[in-house]
Amino acid sequence: MLKNKLHKLLNIATIFLVAMFFSCGNDIKEVEDFLAEKNLPIGIAKNVNLIHTDSGRVKTNLIAPIMHDFSNRKSHPYTEFPNGIKIITYDAKGDSVILTAGYLITFSKTNISEVKNNVNVINPSDGTKLITDQLFWDANEHYIYTEKKFTLITKTDTIKGIGFESNEDLSKVNMKSISGTVYVKENE
């Protein structure tokens, strides 16, 4: 009889512990919602070196000391690089364009990024360099623009202004409110 009571008591304790164990678990959705509610990233990566290839050819190399993943946001998921970033893009000929900045945030749904704090875009093949405090980058359209002050340095010119737009490699630019000396080649 004592053995039977002990066996029942042990079964009750086991059922109680198993129920307690399963009731304490959170599903992934609950954790994501909690992190989104507290404005915390769902993931953090350090010393990021992301290489994007297409058909065996390197197209982009992204380097950053830290990345915050906020993909758990329902309406505007994003990724943030709060401590700086360096992005090197390569074209089909192997020429590169280098973008560096102190901060980048990119929105997943639109593929538009805001880059700010000491922004530099350099095209080493033609010696062009863009310097500004803020830049928006549309990765789908391969287009960059700003309404802030900028300096564009080419082999022959240094142009300052407010408002700038261009393709990613700085080969087709449109500038607003410019000042500086610009050398123009005359058609013969």
Protein backbone atom coordinates (compact mmCIF):
# COMPACT_ATOMS: atom_id res chain seq x y z
CA MET A 1 0.00 0.00 0.00
CA LEU A 2 2.81 2.38 0.88
CA LYS A 3 4.48 1.46 -2.41
CA ASN A 4 1.24 2.28 -4.31
CA LYS A 5 0.90 5.72 -2.61
CA LEU A 6 4.54 6.49 -3.30
CA HIS A 7 4.06 5.51 -6.96
CA LYS A 8 0.96 7.82 -7.26
CA LEU A 9 2.80 10.67 -5.56
CA LEU A 10 5.74 10.23 -7.93
CA ASN A 11 3.40 10.26 -10.96
CA ILE A 12 1.66 13.43 -9.74
CA ALA A 13 5.04 15.14 -9.18
CA THR A 14 6.21 14.10 -12.66
CA ILE A 15 3.04 15.40 -14.32
CA PHE A 16 3.33 18.66 -12.36
CA LEU A 17 7.00 19.15 -13.37
CA VAL A 18 6.32 18.37 -17.05
CA ALA A 19 3.38 20.80 -17.10
CA MET A 20 5.51 23.46 -15.43
CA PHE A 21 8.36 22.88 -17.92
CA PHE A 22 6.11 23.29 -20.98
CA SER A 23 4.17 26.25 -19.58
CA CYS A 24 7.36 28.31 -19.16
CA GLY A 25 8.32 28.09 -22.84
CA ASN A 26 7.73 30.99 -25.23
CA ASP A 27 7.18 30.42 -28.88
CA ILE A 28 9.28 32.38 -31.37
CA LYS A 29 6.38 34.69 -32.28
CA GLU A 30 5.97 35.76 -28.63
CA VAL A 31 9.70 36.49 -28.33
CA GLU A 32 9.73 38.49 -31.60
CA ASP A 33 6.71 40.53 -30.48
CA PHE A 34 8.35 41.20 -27.11
CA LEU A 35 11.58 42.37 -28.77
CA ALA A 36 9.67 44.58 -31.23
CA GLU A 37 7.62 46.08 -28.41
CA LYS A 38 10.78 46.95 -26.47
CA ASN A 39 12.49 48.22 -29.68
CA LEU A 40 15.21 45.58 -29.36
CA PRO A 41 16.85 43.88 -32.34
CA ILE A 42 15.97 40.27 -33.05
CA GLY A 43 19.66 39.63 -33.77
CA ILE A 44 23.05 41.30 -33.43
CA ALA A 45 26.13 40.43 -35.47
CA LYS A 46 29.66 41.66 -34.80
CA ASN A 47 32.56 42.00 -37.24
CA VAL A 48 30.31 41.59 -40.27
CA ASN A 49 31.93 40.80 -43.62
CA LEU A 50 29.13 39.97 -46.03
CA ILE A 51 30.06 39.08 -49.61
CA HIS A 52 27.26 38.96 -52.18
CA THR A 53 27.94 37.02 -55.38
CA ASP A 54 25.96 36.43 -58.54
CA SER A 55 26.93 33.63 -60.93
CA GLY A 56 30.28 33.26 -59.16
CA ARG A 57 31.18 36.96 -59.48
CA VAL A 58 31.50 39.18 -56.39
CA LYS A 59 29.02 42.04 -56.68
CA THR A 60 29.13 43.58 -53.19
CA ASN A 61 31.25 43.38 -50.06
CA LEU A 62 29.75 44.88 -46.89
CA ILE A 63 32.02 45.37 -43.86
CA ALA A 64 30.78 46.65 -40.49
CA PRO A 65 31.76 46.31 -36.83
CA ILE A 66 28.16 45.66 -35.73
CA MET A 67 24.78 44.97 -37.31
CA HIS A 68 21.35 45.09 -35.64
CA ASP A 69 18.56 43.06 -37.25
CA PHE A 70 15.08 44.54 -36.76
CA SER A 71 13.35 42.25 -39.28
CA ASN A 72 10.69 41.52 -36.65
CA ARG A 73 9.00 44.89 -37.31
CA LYS A 74 5.68 44.27 -39.04
CA SER A 75 5.26 47.51 -40.96
CA HIS A 76 8.87 48.64 -41.51
CA PRO A 77 11.48 45.90 -41.00
CA TYR A 78 15.04 47.20 -41.17
CA THR A 79 18.70 46.51 -40.56
CA GLU A 80 20.91 49.04 -38.79
CA PHE A 81 24.67 49.53 -38.77
CA PRO A 82 25.14 52.00 -35.89
CA ASN A 83 28.96 51.98 -35.71
CA GLY A 84 29.89 52.57 -39.32
CA ILE A 85 29.95 50.71 -42.59
CA LYS A 86 32.01 50.16 -45.70
CA ILE A 87 30.33 48.87 -48.86
CA ILE A 88 32.32 48.01 -51.98
CA THR A 89 30.32 47.34 -55.14
CA TYR A 90 31.86 45.83 -58.26
CA ASP A 91 30.60 46.21 -61.82
CA ALA A 92 30.93 43.65 -64.63
CA LYS A 93 34.39 44.99 -65.58
CA GLY A 94 35.64 44.63 -61.99
CA ASP A 95 35.69 48.37 -61.28
CA SER A 96 34.55 49.28 -57.80
CA VAL A 97 32.73 52.04 -55.95
CA ILE A 98 33.37 52.40 -52.22
CA LEU A 99 30.85 53.88 -49.79
CA THR A 100 31.86 54.59 -46.18
CA ALA A 101 29.83 56.21 -43.42
CA GLY A 102 29.38 56.33 -39.67
CA TYR A 103 25.79 55.00 -39.76
CA LEU A 104 23.46 53.13 -42.12
CA ILE A 105 19.87 52.00 -41.85
CA THR A 106 18.28 49.98 -44.65
CA PHE A 107 14.58 49.19 -44.95
CA SER A 108 13.85 45.69 -46.21
CA LYS A 109 10.53 46.32 -47.95
CA THR A 110 11.72 49.28 -50.06
CA ASN A 111 15.45 48.46 -50.27
CA ILE A 112 16.16 52.15 -49.58
CA SER A 113 18.95 53.04 -47.18
CA GLU A 114 19.80 56.19 -45.26
CA VAL A 115 23.53 56.68 -44.85
CA LYS A 116 24.83 59.45 -42.61
CA ASN A 117 27.71 60.78 -40.53
CA ASN A 118 30.81 61.36 -42.64
CA VAL A 119 29.53 59.86 -45.90
CA ASN A 120 32.10 59.27 -48.65
CA VAL A 121 31.44 57.69 -52.04
CA ILE A 122 34.56 57.04 -54.08
CA ASN A 123 34.91 55.81 -57.65
CA PRO A 124 38.63 54.93 -57.89
CA SER A 125 38.52 54.22 -61.63
CA ASP A 126 37.79 57.86 -62.54
CA GLY A 127 38.98 59.55 -59.34
CA THR A 128 35.56 60.96 -58.36
CA LYS A 129 34.66 61.44 -54.70
CA LEU A 130 31.40 62.60 -53.08
CA ILE A 131 31.42 63.90 -49.51
CA THR A 132 28.23 64.69 -47.56
CA ASP A 133 26.60 64.28 -44.15
CA GLN A 134 23.55 62.35 -45.34
CA LEU A 135 22.72 60.28 -48.40
CA PHE A 136 19.79 58.13 -49.48
CA TRP A 137 20.51 55.07 -51.58
CA ASP A 138 17.92 53.22 -53.64
CA ALA A 139 19.54 49.81 -54.24
CA ASN A 140 16.79 48.71 -56.64
CA GLU A 141 17.30 51.69 -58.96
CA HIS A 142 21.09 52.01 -58.30
CA TYR A 143 20.49 55.68 -57.46
CA ILE A 144 21.82 57.98 -54.70
CA TYR A 145 20.59 61.40 -53.61
CA THR A 146 20.78 64.02 -50.88
CA GLU A 147 19.25 67.40 -50.12
CA LYS A 148 22.14 68.26 -47.76
CA LYS A 149 25.40 70.07 -48.46
CA PHE A 150 27.85 68.10 -50.58
CA THR A 151 31.30 68.32 -52.11
CA LEU A 152 32.04 66.53 -55.38
CA ILE A 153 35.71 66.16 -56.24
CA THR A 154 36.76 65.09 -59.74
CA LYS A 155 40.16 65.05 -61.41
CA THR A 156 39.72 68.66 -62.51
CA ASP A 157 36.98 70.17 -60.29
CA THR A 158 35.84 70.63 -56.73
CA ILE A 159 32.15 71.46 -56.70
CA LYS A 160 30.13 72.35 -53.60
CA GLY A 161 26.40 72.60 -53.38
CA ILE A 162 23.15 71.68 -51.67
CA GLY A 163 21.21 68.85 -53.31
CA PHE A 164 22.74 66.05 -55.35
CA GLU A 165 21.59 62.96 -57.24
CA SER A 166 23.46 60.40 -59.26
CA ASN A 167 23.77 56.80 -60.29
CA GLU A 168 25.87 54.68 -57.89
CA ASP A 169 29.18 55.08 -59.70
CA LEU A 170 28.92 58.91 -59.87
CA SER A 171 29.15 58.92 -63.67
CA LYS A 172 25.80 60.70 -64.27
CA VAL A 173 25.23 63.49 -61.76
CA ASN A 174 22.62 66.18 -61.24
CA MET A 175 23.59 68.95 -58.80
CA LYS A 176 21.56 71.77 -57.27
CA SER A 177 22.69 75.11 -55.84
CA ILE A 178 26.33 74.64 -56.83
CA SER A 179 29.40 76.82 -56.46
CA GLY A 180 32.97 76.36 -57.54
CA THR A 181 35.02 76.37 -60.70
CA VAL A 182 33.93 73.87 -63.32
CA TYR A 183 35.98 73.18 -66.43
CA VAL A 184 33.89 72.47 -69.51
CA LYS A 185 35.16 70.84 -72.68
CA GLU A 186 33.90 72.68 -75.78
CA ASN A 187 32.62 70.79 -78.80
CA GLU A 188 34.47 71.57 -82.01
